[in-house]
């Protein structure tokens, strides 16, 4: 595997966490305007993406494979919990 293949492999591993984190942050800012008024979209997005990436790495370590359905479900839950915790404060 050369450097370009490694880059694309890692980028494709990280991209679902970043995409779901960004989408979650945008939807939460839309629906929880008052609760998240003081929190920026970028802050929500990077925190949700970091939680999602941690779940993807944990799923890879625990199951030994990337892309298991339980890992995808945990990704969605983790990305949703971060803004929910912010809004509930």
C-alpha atoms as a PDB file:
ATOM      1  CA  UNK A   1       0.000   0.000   0.000  1.00  0.00           C
ATOM      2  CA  UNK A   2       1.508   3.311  -1.030  1.00  0.00           C
ATOM      3  CA  UNK A   3       0.986   6.681   0.671  1.00  0.00           C
ATOM      4  CA  UNK A   4      -1.936   7.714  -1.537  1.00  0.00           C
ATOM      5  CA  UNK A   5      -3.806   4.472  -0.879  1.00  0.00           C
ATOM      6  CA  UNK A   6      -3.198   4.889   2.848  1.00  0.00           C
ATOM      7  CA  UNK A   7      -4.527   8.446   2.706  1.00  0.00           C
ATOM      8  CA  UNK A   8      -7.736   7.385   0.948  1.00  0.00           C
ATOM      9  CA  UNK A   9      -8.174   4.422   3.273  1.00  0.00           C
ATOM     10  CA  UNK A  10      -7.970   6.630   6.366  1.00  0.00           C
ATOM     11  CA  UNK A  11     -10.098   9.363   4.765  1.00  0.00           C
ATOM     12  CA  UNK A  12     -12.850   6.868   3.948  1.00  0.00           C
ATOM     13  CA  UNK A  13     -12.709   5.555   7.510  1.00  0.00           C
ATOM     14  CA  UNK A  14     -13.051   9.053   9.026  1.00  0.00           C
ATOM     15  CA  UNK A  15     -15.565  10.492   6.545  1.00  0.00           C
ATOM     16  CA  UNK A  16     -18.728   8.844   7.957  1.00  0.00           C
ATOM     17  CA  UNK A  17     -18.028  10.246  11.426  1.00  0.00           C
ATOM     18  CA  UNK A  18     -17.412  13.733  10.044  1.00  0.00           C
ATOM     19  CA  UNK A  19     -20.459  13.653   7.772  1.00  0.00           C
ATOM     20  CA  UNK A  20     -22.842  12.365  10.439  1.00  0.00           C
ATOM     21  CA  UNK A  21     -21.388  14.792  12.985  1.00  0.00           C
ATOM     22  CA  UNK A  22     -21.844  17.771  10.663  1.00  0.00           C
ATOM     23  CA  UNK A  23     -25.365  16.739   9.688  1.00  0.00           C
ATOM     24  CA  UNK A  24     -26.321  16.147  13.308  1.00  0.00           C
ATOM     25  CA  UNK A  25     -24.980  19.555  14.326  1.00  0.00           C
ATOM     26  CA  UNK A  26     -26.887  21.284  11.535  1.00  0.00           C
ATOM     27  CA  UNK A  27     -30.160  19.560  12.364  1.00  0.00           C
ATOM     28  CA  UNK A  28     -29.768  20.187  16.081  1.00  0.00           C
ATOM     29  CA  UNK A  29     -29.074  23.881  15.503  1.00  0.00           C
ATOM     30  CA  UNK A  30     -32.236  23.977  13.406  1.00  0.00           C
ATOM     31  CA  UNK A  31     -34.525  22.203  15.874  1.00  0.00           C
ATOM     32  CA  UNK A  32     -33.028  23.271  19.238  1.00  0.00           C
ATOM     33  CA  UNK A  33     -32.463  26.946  18.506  1.00  0.00           C
ATOM     34  CA  UNK A  34     -32.943  28.193  22.057  1.00  0.00           C
ATOM     35  CA  UNK A  35     -31.053  25.424  23.798  1.00  0.00           C
ATOM     36  CA  UNK A  36     -28.071  25.668  21.462  1.00  0.00           C
ATOM     37  CA  UNK A  37     -28.105  29.421  20.800  1.00  0.00           C
ATOM     38  CA  UNK A  38     -24.781  30.026  22.553  1.00  0.00           C
ATOM     39  CA  UNK A  39     -23.036  27.013  21.008  1.00  0.00           C
ATOM     40  CA  UNK A  40     -21.614  27.395  17.513  1.00  0.00           C
ATOM     41  CA  UNK A  41     -22.308  24.919  14.744  1.00  0.00           C
ATOM     42  CA  UNK A  42     -18.596  24.209  14.393  1.00  0.00           C
ATOM     43  CA  UNK A  43     -18.269  23.291  18.065  1.00  0.00           C
ATOM     44  CA  UNK A  44     -21.186  20.886  17.852  1.00  0.00           C
ATOM     45  CA  UNK A  45     -19.889  19.415  14.610  1.00  0.00           C
ATOM     46  CA  UNK A  46     -16.356  18.707  15.779  1.00  0.00           C
ATOM     47  CA  UNK A  47     -17.487  17.305  19.121  1.00  0.00           C
ATOM     48  CA  UNK A  48     -20.044  15.016  17.484  1.00  0.00           C
ATOM     49  CA  UNK A  49     -17.494  13.989  14.859  1.00  0.00           C
ATOM     50  CA  UNK A  50     -14.913  13.208  17.540  1.00  0.00           C
ATOM     51  CA  UNK A  51     -17.428  11.071  19.422  1.00  0.00           C
ATOM     52  CA  UNK A  52     -18.354   9.316  16.187  1.00  0.00           C
ATOM     53  CA  UNK A  53     -14.727   8.676  15.305  1.00  0.00           C
ATOM     54  CA  UNK A  54     -14.105   7.228  18.760  1.00  0.00           C
ATOM     55  CA  UNK A  55     -17.040   4.873  18.236  1.00  0.00           C
ATOM     56  CA  UNK A  56     -15.740   3.809  14.813  1.00  0.00           C
ATOM     57  CA  UNK A  57     -12.295   3.061  16.243  1.00  0.00           C
ATOM     58  CA  UNK A  58     -13.837   1.166  19.172  1.00  0.00           C
ATOM     59  CA  UNK A  59     -16.022  -0.814  16.771  1.00  0.00           C
ATOM     60  CA  UNK A  60     -12.992  -1.693  14.661  1.00  0.00           C
ATOM     61  CA  UNK A  61     -11.043  -2.819  17.717  1.00  0.00           C
ATOM     62  CA  UNK A  62     -13.902  -4.785  19.289  1.00  0.00           C
ATOM     63  CA  UNK A  63     -15.294  -6.494  16.194  1.00  0.00           C
ATOM     64  CA  UNK A  64     -12.085  -6.668  14.180  1.00  0.00           C
ATOM     65  CA  UNK A  65     -13.828  -5.336  11.060  1.00  0.00           C
ATOM     66  CA  UNK A  66     -14.839  -1.958   9.740  1.00  0.00           C
ATOM     67  CA  UNK A  67     -18.440  -1.234   8.815  1.00  0.00           C
ATOM     68  CA  UNK A  68     -20.435  -3.556  11.058  1.00  0.00           C
ATOM     69  CA  UNK A  69     -24.068  -2.561  11.518  1.00  0.00           C
ATOM     70  CA  UNK A  70     -23.712  -2.316  15.292  1.00  0.00           C
ATOM     71  CA  UNK A  71     -20.869   0.159  14.781  1.00  0.00           C
ATOM     72  CA  UNK A  72     -22.964   2.297  12.416  1.00  0.00           C
ATOM     73  CA  UNK A  73     -25.836   2.324  14.929  1.00  0.00           C
ATOM     74  CA  UNK A  74     -23.458   3.309  17.721  1.00  0.00           C
ATOM     75  CA  UNK A  75     -22.052   6.063  15.464  1.00  0.00           C
ATOM     76  CA  UNK A  76     -25.494   7.592  15.016  1.00  0.00           C
ATOM     77  CA  UNK A  77     -26.252   7.370  18.735  1.00  0.00           C
ATOM     78  CA  UNK A  78     -22.902   8.897  19.727  1.00  0.00           C
ATOM     79  CA  UNK A  79     -23.284  11.768  17.271  1.00  0.00           C
ATOM     80  CA  UNK A  80     -26.785  12.468  18.609  1.00  0.00           C
ATOM     81  CA  UNK A  81     -25.863  12.311  22.294  1.00  0.00           C
ATOM     82  CA  UNK A  82     -23.268  15.113  22.132  1.00  0.00           C
ATOM     83  CA  UNK A  83     -25.645  17.914  21.009  1.00  0.00           C
ATOM     84  CA  UNK A  84     -28.379  16.528  23.227  1.00  0.00           C
ATOM     85  CA  UNK A  85     -26.112  16.897  26.254  1.00  0.00           C
ATOM     86  CA  UNK A  86     -25.249  20.438  25.177  1.00  0.00           C
ATOM     87  CA  UNK A  87     -28.913  21.371  24.716  1.00  0.00           C
ATOM     88  CA  UNK A  88     -30.004  19.899  28.030  1.00  0.00           C
ATOM     89  CA  UNK A  89     -27.685  22.142  30.060  1.00  0.00           C
END
